[in-house]
Amino acid sequence: MRVGDVVAGRYRLEAVIGSGSHGVVYRAECVDDGSLVAVKTLRPGLLRERVVRERFEREVTAASHIRHPNVIATLDAGADPESGAPYLVQPLLRGVDLKVALLREKRFAPRVAVDLVVPVMAGLIALHPGAGRADDGAGSAVWRPARSTRGDEALRS
């Protein structure tokens, strides 16, 4: 897939907004209603790699079953009829990438750091329910997944 392509007859790819070793994320316009979305797909050279494709498909399945305020929703998913490429459609998020913000700020004030980490941890707990505790010795911090959807109990020592 390339900028300008229309995925599944519905999402016109406008620009690459992210990429990794296996996938590419595009800003796209939904041709049905003009809304902007993010479309993630595999790199073209990996479409025939069974293991990579299966991993992507597991990610799509997992993402489509999670409903949590701190986890981005899945709007659509499938395989493009023309290319056969699997895709995942999610709302287009606006804001500053946390990595960019951290590089710019160098470090966050403790209250800001907590305000960032707690919702992230709540989302991770939703993605990985029943995750265990991490304890590598006496006096170490222990992460005990909370049942709260707000995440206000997610971090305890």
N, C-alpha and C. Protein backbone atom coordinates (compact mmCIF):
# COMPACT_ATOMS: atom_id res chain seq x y z
N MET A 1 0.84 -1.18 0.00
CA MET A 1 0.00 0.00 0.00
C MET A 1 0.88 1.24 0.00
N ARG A 2 0.35 2.26 -0.65
CA ARG A 2 1.09 3.53 -0.76
C ARG A 2 0.14 4.69 -0.53
N VAL A 3 0.72 5.85 -0.22
CA VAL A 3 -0.07 7.08 -0.11
C VAL A 3 -0.85 7.23 -1.40
N GLY A 4 -2.13 7.55 -1.28
CA GLY A 4 -3.01 7.69 -2.44
C GLY A 4 -3.91 6.48 -2.66
N ASP A 5 -3.48 5.31 -2.18
CA ASP A 5 -4.30 4.11 -2.31
C ASP A 5 -5.55 4.23 -1.43
N VAL A 6 -6.61 3.50 -1.82
CA VAL A 6 -7.83 3.43 -1.01
C VAL A 6 -7.93 1.99 -0.50
N VAL A 7 -7.88 1.84 0.81
CA VAL A 7 -7.91 0.53 1.45
C VAL A 7 -9.35 0.08 1.64
N ALA A 8 -9.64 -1.12 1.19
CA ALA A 8 -10.97 -1.73 1.34
C ALA A 8 -12.08 -0.84 0.81
N GLY A 9 -11.75 0.00 -0.17
CA GLY A 9 -12.74 0.88 -0.76
C GLY A 9 -13.23 1.98 0.16
N ARG A 10 -12.59 2.14 1.34
CA ARG A 10 -13.11 3.08 2.34
C ARG A 10 -12.12 4.09 2.89
N TYR A 11 -10.83 3.78 2.90
CA TYR A 11 -9.86 4.63 3.58
C TYR A 11 -8.77 5.08 2.61
N ARG A 12 -8.77 6.37 2.28
CA ARG A 12 -7.77 6.93 1.37
C ARG A 12 -6.54 7.30 2.17
N LEU A 13 -5.41 6.66 1.87
CA LEU A 13 -4.17 6.90 2.59
C LEU A 13 -3.58 8.25 2.20
N GLU A 14 -3.36 9.12 3.20
CA GLU A 14 -2.89 10.48 2.93
C GLU A 14 -1.41 10.68 3.22
N ALA A 15 -0.90 10.07 4.28
CA ALA A 15 0.50 10.29 4.66
C ALA A 15 0.94 9.20 5.62
N VAL A 16 2.22 8.87 5.58
CA VAL A 16 2.80 7.96 6.57
C VAL A 16 3.01 8.76 7.85
N ILE A 17 2.49 8.25 8.97
CA ILE A 17 2.67 8.96 10.24
C ILE A 17 3.48 8.14 11.24
N GLY A 18 3.83 6.92 10.87
CA GLY A 18 4.64 6.08 11.74
C GLY A 18 5.01 4.80 11.03
N SER A 19 6.09 4.19 11.49
CA SER A 19 6.48 2.90 10.92
C SER A 19 7.38 2.18 11.90
N GLY A 20 7.41 0.89 11.74
CA GLY A 20 8.26 0.03 12.56
C GLY A 20 8.84 -1.05 11.68
N SER A 21 9.40 -2.06 12.31
CA SER A 21 10.05 -3.11 11.53
C SER A 21 9.06 -3.92 10.71
N HIS A 22 7.81 -4.03 11.18
CA HIS A 22 6.82 -4.84 10.47
C HIS A 22 5.68 -4.06 9.85
N GLY A 23 5.37 -2.89 10.39
CA GLY A 23 4.17 -2.21 9.93
C GLY A 23 4.38 -0.76 9.59
N VAL A 24 3.36 -0.22 8.95
CA VAL A 24 3.32 1.19 8.58
C VAL A 24 1.96 1.73 9.03
N VAL A 25 1.97 2.95 9.59
CA VAL A 25 0.72 3.59 10.00
C VAL A 25 0.54 4.83 9.13
N TYR A 26 -0.65 4.94 8.57
CA TYR A 26 -0.99 6.06 7.69
C TYR A 26 -2.07 6.92 8.31
N ARG A 27 -2.02 8.22 8.07
CA ARG A 27 -3.19 9.07 8.29
C ARG A 27 -4.05 8.85 7.06
N ALA A 28 -5.33 8.63 7.27
CA ALA A 28 -6.22 8.34 6.16
C ALA A 28 -7.55 9.05 6.34
N GLU A 29 -8.23 9.25 5.24
CA GLU A 29 -9.56 9.83 5.27
C GLU A 29 -10.56 8.74 4.95
N CYS A 30 -11.60 8.64 5.77
CA CYS A 30 -12.69 7.72 5.49
C CYS A 30 -13.53 8.34 4.38
N VAL A 31 -13.62 7.66 3.24
CA VAL A 31 -14.33 8.24 2.09
C VAL A 31 -15.84 8.32 2.34
N ASP A 32 -16.35 7.54 3.30
CA ASP A 32 -17.78 7.56 3.61
C ASP A 32 -18.22 8.85 4.27
N ASP A 33 -17.41 9.34 5.23
CA ASP A 33 -17.85 10.50 6.00
C ASP A 33 -16.80 11.60 6.14
N GLY A 34 -15.62 11.41 5.56
CA GLY A 34 -14.58 12.44 5.61
C GLY A 34 -13.78 12.49 6.89
N SER A 35 -14.08 11.59 7.84
CA SER A 35 -13.33 11.60 9.10
C SER A 35 -11.90 11.13 8.87
N LEU A 36 -11.00 11.62 9.74
CA LEU A 36 -9.61 11.19 9.67
C LEU A 36 -9.39 10.04 10.64
N VAL A 37 -8.66 9.03 10.17
CA VAL A 37 -8.38 7.84 10.95
C VAL A 37 -6.91 7.45 10.77
N ALA A 38 -6.48 6.49 11.57
CA ALA A 38 -5.15 5.90 11.42
C ALA A 38 -5.36 4.48 10.87
N VAL A 39 -4.61 4.15 9.82
CA VAL A 39 -4.69 2.81 9.24
C VAL A 39 -3.32 2.17 9.37
N LYS A 40 -3.29 1.03 10.06
CA LYS A 40 -2.05 0.29 10.22
C LYS A 40 -2.09 -0.94 9.33
N THR A 41 -0.99 -1.21 8.66
CA THR A 41 -0.90 -2.38 7.80
C THR A 41 0.53 -2.91 7.82
N LEU A 42 0.70 -4.09 7.30
CA LEU A 42 2.05 -4.67 7.20
C LEU A 42 2.82 -4.03 6.07
N ARG A 43 4.13 -4.02 6.22
CA ARG A 43 4.99 -3.59 5.12
C ARG A 43 4.77 -4.54 3.95
N PRO A 44 4.75 -4.02 2.73
CA PRO A 44 4.47 -4.87 1.56
C PRO A 44 5.38 -6.10 1.46
N GLY A 45 6.63 -5.96 1.80
CA GLY A 45 7.56 -7.08 1.70
C GLY A 45 7.32 -8.19 2.69
N LEU A 46 6.42 -7.95 3.65
CA LEU A 46 6.17 -8.96 4.70
C LEU A 46 4.81 -9.66 4.55
N LEU A 47 4.08 -9.32 3.50
CA LEU A 47 2.74 -9.89 3.33
C LEU A 47 2.75 -11.41 3.22
N ARG A 48 3.82 -11.96 2.70
CA ARG A 48 3.90 -13.42 2.52
C ARG A 48 4.58 -14.13 3.69
N GLU A 49 5.04 -13.37 4.67
CA GLU A 49 5.68 -13.95 5.86
C GLU A 49 4.59 -14.43 6.81
N ARG A 50 4.37 -15.73 6.85
CA ARG A 50 3.28 -16.31 7.63
C ARG A 50 3.34 -15.91 9.10
N VAL A 51 4.49 -16.01 9.73
CA VAL A 51 4.62 -15.71 11.16
C VAL A 51 4.30 -14.24 11.44
N VAL A 52 4.80 -13.35 10.63
CA VAL A 52 4.55 -11.92 10.80
C VAL A 52 3.07 -11.61 10.59
N ARG A 53 2.50 -12.19 9.56
CA ARG A 53 1.08 -11.96 9.26
C ARG A 53 0.20 -12.48 10.41
N GLU A 54 0.53 -13.66 10.92
CA GLU A 54 -0.25 -14.22 12.04
C GLU A 54 -0.14 -13.34 13.28
N ARG A 55 1.04 -12.79 13.54
CA ARG A 55 1.23 -11.89 14.69
C ARG A 55 0.37 -10.64 14.52
N PHE A 56 0.35 -10.09 13.31
CA PHE A 56 -0.47 -8.90 13.03
C PHE A 56 -1.94 -9.24 13.23
N GLU A 57 -2.37 -10.38 12.74
CA GLU A 57 -3.77 -10.77 12.87
C GLU A 57 -4.16 -11.00 14.33
N ARG A 58 -3.23 -11.53 15.16
CA ARG A 58 -3.50 -11.67 16.59
C ARG A 58 -3.64 -10.30 17.24
N GLU A 59 -2.80 -9.35 16.84
CA GLU A 59 -2.88 -7.99 17.35
C GLU A 59 -4.24 -7.38 17.02
N VAL A 60 -4.69 -7.56 15.78
CA VAL A 60 -5.98 -7.03 15.35
C VAL A 60 -7.10 -7.65 16.18
N THR A 61 -7.06 -8.96 16.36
CA THR A 61 -8.10 -9.65 17.14
C THR A 61 -8.11 -9.15 18.58
N ALA A 62 -6.95 -9.06 19.19
CA ALA A 62 -6.86 -8.59 20.57
C ALA A 62 -7.35 -7.15 20.69
N ALA A 63 -6.91 -6.30 19.78
CA ALA A 63 -7.29 -4.88 19.83
C ALA A 63 -8.80 -4.71 19.67
N SER A 64 -9.41 -5.53 18.86
CA SER A 64 -10.84 -5.36 18.61
C SER A 64 -11.71 -5.82 19.77
N HIS A 65 -11.13 -6.56 20.73
CA HIS A 65 -11.91 -7.04 21.88
C HIS A 65 -11.75 -6.19 23.13
N ILE A 66 -10.85 -5.24 23.13
CA ILE A 66 -10.60 -4.43 24.32
C ILE A 66 -11.49 -3.19 24.30
N ARG A 67 -12.18 -2.97 25.40
CA ARG A 67 -12.99 -1.77 25.58
C ARG A 67 -12.55 -1.13 26.89
N HIS A 68 -11.77 -0.08 26.80
CA HIS A 68 -11.25 0.59 27.98
C HIS A 68 -10.95 2.03 27.62
N PRO A 69 -11.22 2.97 28.52
CA PRO A 69 -11.00 4.37 28.18
C PRO A 69 -9.54 4.73 27.90
N ASN A 70 -8.60 3.90 28.32
CA ASN A 70 -7.18 4.19 28.12
C ASN A 70 -6.56 3.36 27.01
N VAL A 71 -7.38 2.67 26.25
CA VAL A 71 -6.91 1.87 25.12
C VAL A 71 -7.66 2.34 23.88
N ILE A 72 -6.92 2.67 22.84
CA ILE A 72 -7.54 3.18 21.62
C ILE A 72 -8.46 2.12 21.01
N ALA A 73 -9.61 2.57 20.55
CA ALA A 73 -10.61 1.66 19.98
C ALA A 73 -10.23 1.21 18.58
N THR A 74 -10.74 0.07 18.20
CA THR A 74 -10.62 -0.42 16.83
C THR A 74 -11.92 -0.10 16.12
N LEU A 75 -11.82 0.63 15.01
CA LEU A 75 -13.00 1.01 14.24
C LEU A 75 -13.34 -0.01 13.16
N ASP A 76 -12.30 -0.61 12.59
CA ASP A 76 -12.48 -1.53 11.47
C ASP A 76 -11.20 -2.35 11.33
N ALA A 77 -11.33 -3.49 10.74
CA ALA A 77 -10.17 -4.35 10.47
C ALA A 77 -10.56 -5.35 9.41
N GLY A 78 -9.58 -5.86 8.72
CA GLY A 78 -9.84 -6.86 7.69
C GLY A 78 -8.65 -7.02 6.79
N ALA A 79 -8.92 -7.50 5.60
CA ALA A 79 -7.89 -7.65 4.57
C ALA A 79 -8.37 -6.90 3.33
N ASP A 80 -7.49 -6.08 2.78
CA ASP A 80 -7.83 -5.32 1.59
C ASP A 80 -8.10 -6.28 0.43
N PRO A 81 -9.25 -6.17 -0.23
CA PRO A 81 -9.60 -7.10 -1.31
C PRO A 81 -8.61 -7.09 -2.49
N GLU A 82 -8.01 -5.93 -2.78
CA GLU A 82 -7.09 -5.85 -3.91
C GLU A 82 -5.71 -6.39 -3.60
N SER A 83 -5.13 -5.96 -2.48
CA SER A 83 -3.76 -6.35 -2.17
C SER A 83 -3.67 -7.58 -1.27
N GLY A 84 -4.75 -7.86 -0.55
CA GLY A 84 -4.73 -8.94 0.42
C GLY A 84 -4.07 -8.55 1.73
N ALA A 85 -3.61 -7.31 1.83
CA ALA A 85 -2.91 -6.85 3.03
C ALA A 85 -3.89 -6.69 4.19
N PRO A 86 -3.53 -7.23 5.36
CA PRO A 86 -4.38 -7.00 6.53
C PRO A 86 -4.24 -5.55 6.98
N TYR A 87 -5.31 -5.01 7.57
CA TYR A 87 -5.27 -3.64 8.04
C TYR A 87 -6.06 -3.51 9.33
N LEU A 88 -5.75 -2.46 10.07
CA LEU A 88 -6.41 -2.12 11.31
C LEU A 88 -6.69 -0.62 11.28
N VAL A 89 -7.93 -0.22 11.55
CA VAL A 89 -8.30 1.18 11.53
C VAL A 89 -8.67 1.62 12.94
N GLN A 90 -8.06 2.73 13.37
CA GLN A 90 -8.30 3.30 14.69
C GLN A 90 -8.48 4.80 14.57
N PRO A 91 -9.07 5.42 15.59
CA PRO A 91 -9.19 6.89 15.54
C PRO A 91 -7.80 7.52 15.42
N LEU A 92 -7.74 8.62 14.73
CA LEU A 92 -6.48 9.36 14.61
C LEU A 92 -6.32 10.21 15.86
N LEU A 93 -5.27 9.96 16.60
CA LEU A 93 -5.02 10.71 17.84
C LEU A 93 -4.27 11.99 17.55
N ARG A 94 -4.63 13.02 18.26
CA ARG A 94 -3.93 14.31 18.16
C ARG A 94 -3.15 14.50 19.45
N GLY A 95 -2.00 15.09 19.36
CA GLY A 95 -1.22 15.35 20.55
C GLY A 95 0.26 15.19 20.27
N VAL A 96 1.02 15.18 21.35
CA VAL A 96 2.47 15.07 21.26
C VAL A 96 2.87 13.66 21.66
N ASP A 97 3.69 13.05 20.86
CA ASP A 97 4.24 11.74 21.16
C ASP A 97 4.99 11.82 22.49
N LEU A 98 4.74 10.88 23.39
CA LEU A 98 5.36 10.90 24.70
C LEU A 98 6.89 10.89 24.61
N LYS A 99 7.43 10.15 23.67
CA LYS A 99 8.89 10.10 23.51
C LYS A 99 9.43 11.49 23.13
N VAL A 100 8.73 12.17 22.23
CA VAL A 100 9.14 13.52 21.83
C VAL A 100 9.06 14.47 23.02
N ALA A 101 7.97 14.37 23.79
CA ALA A 101 7.81 15.23 24.95
C ALA A 101 8.92 14.98 25.97
N LEU A 102 9.26 13.74 26.19
CA LEU A 102 10.31 13.41 27.16
C LEU A 102 11.68 13.90 26.68
N LEU A 103 11.95 13.78 25.40
CA LEU A 103 13.21 14.29 24.87
C LEU A 103 13.28 15.81 25.01
N ARG A 104 12.16 16.47 24.83
CA ARG A 104 12.12 17.92 24.93
C ARG A 104 12.24 18.38 26.39
N GLU A 105 11.51 17.72 27.28
CA GLU A 105 11.46 18.14 28.68
C GLU A 105 12.62 17.60 29.51
N LYS A 106 13.25 16.55 29.06
CA LYS A 106 14.33 15.84 29.76
C LYS A 106 13.81 15.01 30.93
N ARG A 107 12.93 15.55 31.72
CA ARG A 107 12.26 14.79 32.78
C ARG A 107 10.99 15.53 33.17
N PHE A 108 10.06 14.77 33.70
CA PHE A 108 8.79 15.35 34.12
C PHE A 108 8.78 15.52 35.64
N ALA A 109 8.05 16.52 36.10
CA ALA A 109 7.82 16.67 37.54
C ALA A 109 7.11 15.42 38.02
N PRO A 110 7.32 15.01 39.27
CA PRO A 110 6.70 13.78 39.77
C PRO A 110 5.19 13.71 39.55
N ARG A 111 4.47 14.78 39.80
CA ARG A 111 3.01 14.75 39.63
C ARG A 111 2.63 14.53 38.16
N VAL A 112 3.36 15.17 37.26
CA VAL A 112 3.10 14.99 35.83
C VAL A 112 3.41 13.54 35.43
N ALA A 113 4.51 13.00 35.94
CA ALA A 113 4.88 11.62 35.62
C ALA A 113 3.80 10.65 36.09
N VAL A 114 3.30 10.86 37.30
CA VAL A 114 2.24 9.99 37.82
C VAL A 114 0.98 10.13 36.97
N ASP A 115 0.64 11.37 36.60
CA ASP A 115 -0.54 11.59 35.77
C ASP A 115 -0.42 10.92 34.40
N LEU A 116 0.80 10.74 33.93
CA LEU A 116 1.02 10.04 32.67
C LEU A 116 1.03 8.53 32.84
N VAL A 117 1.71 8.07 33.87
CA VAL A 117 1.92 6.63 34.05
C VAL A 117 0.66 5.89 34.49
N VAL A 118 -0.12 6.46 35.38
CA VAL A 118 -1.28 5.75 35.91
C VAL A 118 -2.28 5.36 34.81
N PRO A 119 -2.67 6.27 33.92
CA PRO A 119 -3.58 5.84 32.85
C PRO A 119 -2.95 4.80 31.91
N VAL A 120 -1.66 4.94 31.65
CA VAL A 120 -0.98 3.95 30.80
C VAL A 120 -1.02 2.58 31.47
N MET A 121 -0.72 2.55 32.77
CA MET A 121 -0.76 1.28 33.49
C MET A 121 -2.17 0.68 33.48
N ALA A 122 -3.18 1.52 33.65
CA ALA A 122 -4.55 1.02 33.61
C ALA A 122 -4.87 0.40 32.26
N GLY A 123 -4.41 1.04 31.19
CA GLY A 123 -4.60 0.48 29.86
C GLY A 123 -3.85 -0.84 29.68
N LEU A 124 -2.62 -0.90 30.17
CA LEU A 124 -1.85 -2.14 30.08
C LEU A 124 -2.50 -3.27 30.87
N ILE A 125 -3.06 -2.93 32.02
CA ILE A 125 -3.77 -3.95 32.80
C ILE A 125 -4.97 -4.48 32.02
N ALA A 126 -5.68 -3.58 31.35
CA ALA A 126 -6.82 -4.01 30.53
C ALA A 126 -6.36 -4.93 29.39
N LEU A 127 -5.20 -4.63 28.83
CA LEU A 127 -4.68 -5.44 27.74
C LEU A 127 -4.13 -6.78 28.21
N HIS A 128 -3.62 -6.81 29.43
CA HIS A 128 -2.99 -8.03 29.97
C HIS A 128 -3.57 -8.36 31.34
N PRO A 129 -4.86 -8.72 31.41
CA PRO A 129 -5.47 -9.00 32.71
C PRO A 129 -4.78 -10.18 33.39
N GLY A 130 -4.68 -10.07 34.70
CA GLY A 130 -4.07 -11.16 35.46
C GLY A 130 -2.57 -11.15 35.44
N ALA A 131 -1.95 -10.09 34.92
CA ALA A 131 -0.50 -10.02 34.92
C ALA A 131 -0.01 -10.15 36.36
N GLY A 132 1.07 -10.82 36.52
CA GLY A 132 1.58 -11.11 37.86
C GLY A 132 2.32 -9.97 38.48
N ARG A 133 3.03 -10.29 39.51
CA ARG A 133 3.82 -9.29 40.20
C ARG A 133 5.27 -9.42 39.79
N ALA A 134 5.96 -8.33 39.87
CA ALA A 134 7.39 -8.33 39.56
C ALA A 134 8.13 -8.09 40.85
N ASP A 135 8.98 -9.02 41.26
CA ASP A 135 9.71 -8.90 42.52
C ASP A 135 11.08 -9.50 42.32
N ASP A 136 12.09 -8.65 42.24
CA ASP A 136 13.43 -9.18 42.00
C ASP A 136 14.31 -9.09 43.24
N GLY A 137 13.70 -8.98 44.39
CA GLY A 137 14.49 -8.97 45.61
C GLY A 137 13.82 -8.16 46.70
N ALA A 138 14.41 -8.23 47.87
CA ALA A 138 13.86 -7.52 49.03
C ALA A 138 13.79 -6.03 48.75
N GLY A 139 12.70 -5.44 49.15
CA GLY A 139 12.54 -4.01 49.02
C GLY A 139 12.17 -3.52 47.64
N SER A 140 12.00 -4.41 46.69
CA SER A 140 11.65 -3.95 45.34
C SER A 140 10.17 -3.61 45.26
N ALA A 141 9.85 -2.78 44.30
CA ALA A 141 8.45 -2.40 44.09
C ALA A 141 7.70 -3.57 43.52
N VAL A 142 6.43 -3.67 43.83
CA VAL A 142 5.58 -4.74 43.33
C VAL A 142 4.43 -4.09 42.58
N TRP A 143 4.19 -4.58 41.38
CA TRP A 143 3.06 -4.12 40.60
C TRP A 143 1.94 -5.11 40.78
N ARG A 144 0.84 -4.65 41.33
CA ARG A 144 -0.33 -5.50 41.54
C ARG A 144 -1.47 -4.94 40.70
N PRO A 145 -1.84 -5.64 39.64
CA PRO A 145 -2.92 -5.12 38.80
C PRO A 145 -4.17 -4.85 39.60
N ALA A 146 -4.72 -3.68 39.39
CA ALA A 146 -5.95 -3.29 40.07
C ALA A 146 -7.14 -3.64 39.20
N ARG A 147 -8.28 -3.67 39.78
CA ARG A 147 -9.51 -3.92 39.03
C ARG A 147 -10.17 -2.61 38.63
N SER A 148 -9.64 -1.50 39.10
CA SER A 148 -10.21 -0.19 38.79
C SER A 148 -9.98 0.15 37.33
N THR A 149 -11.00 0.63 36.62
CA THR A 149 -10.81 1.05 35.23
C THR A 149 -10.13 2.40 35.16
N ARG A 150 -10.13 3.16 36.26
CA ARG A 150 -9.46 4.45 36.28
C ARG A 150 -7.97 4.29 36.46
N GLY A 151 -7.54 3.19 37.05
CA GLY A 151 -6.12 2.96 37.25
C GLY A 151 -5.58 3.60 38.51
N ASP A 152 -6.46 4.13 39.37
CA ASP A 152 -5.94 4.85 40.54
C ASP A 152 -5.33 3.92 41.58
N GLU A 153 -5.50 2.63 41.43
CA GLU A 153 -4.88 1.67 42.34
C GLU A 153 -3.84 0.81 41.64
N ALA A 154 -3.51 1.17 40.41
CA ALA A 154 -2.66 0.31 39.60
C ALA A 154 -1.22 0.23 40.12
N LEU A 155 -0.73 1.29 40.71
CA LEU A 155 0.64 1.29 41.19
C LEU A 155 0.66 1.30 42.70
N ARG A 156 1.21 0.25 43.27
CA ARG A 156 1.33 0.16 44.72
C ARG A 156 2.73 -0.34 45.04
N SER A 157 3.21 0.02 46.17
CA SER A 157 4.52 -0.50 46.56
C SER A 157 4.40 -1.28 47.84
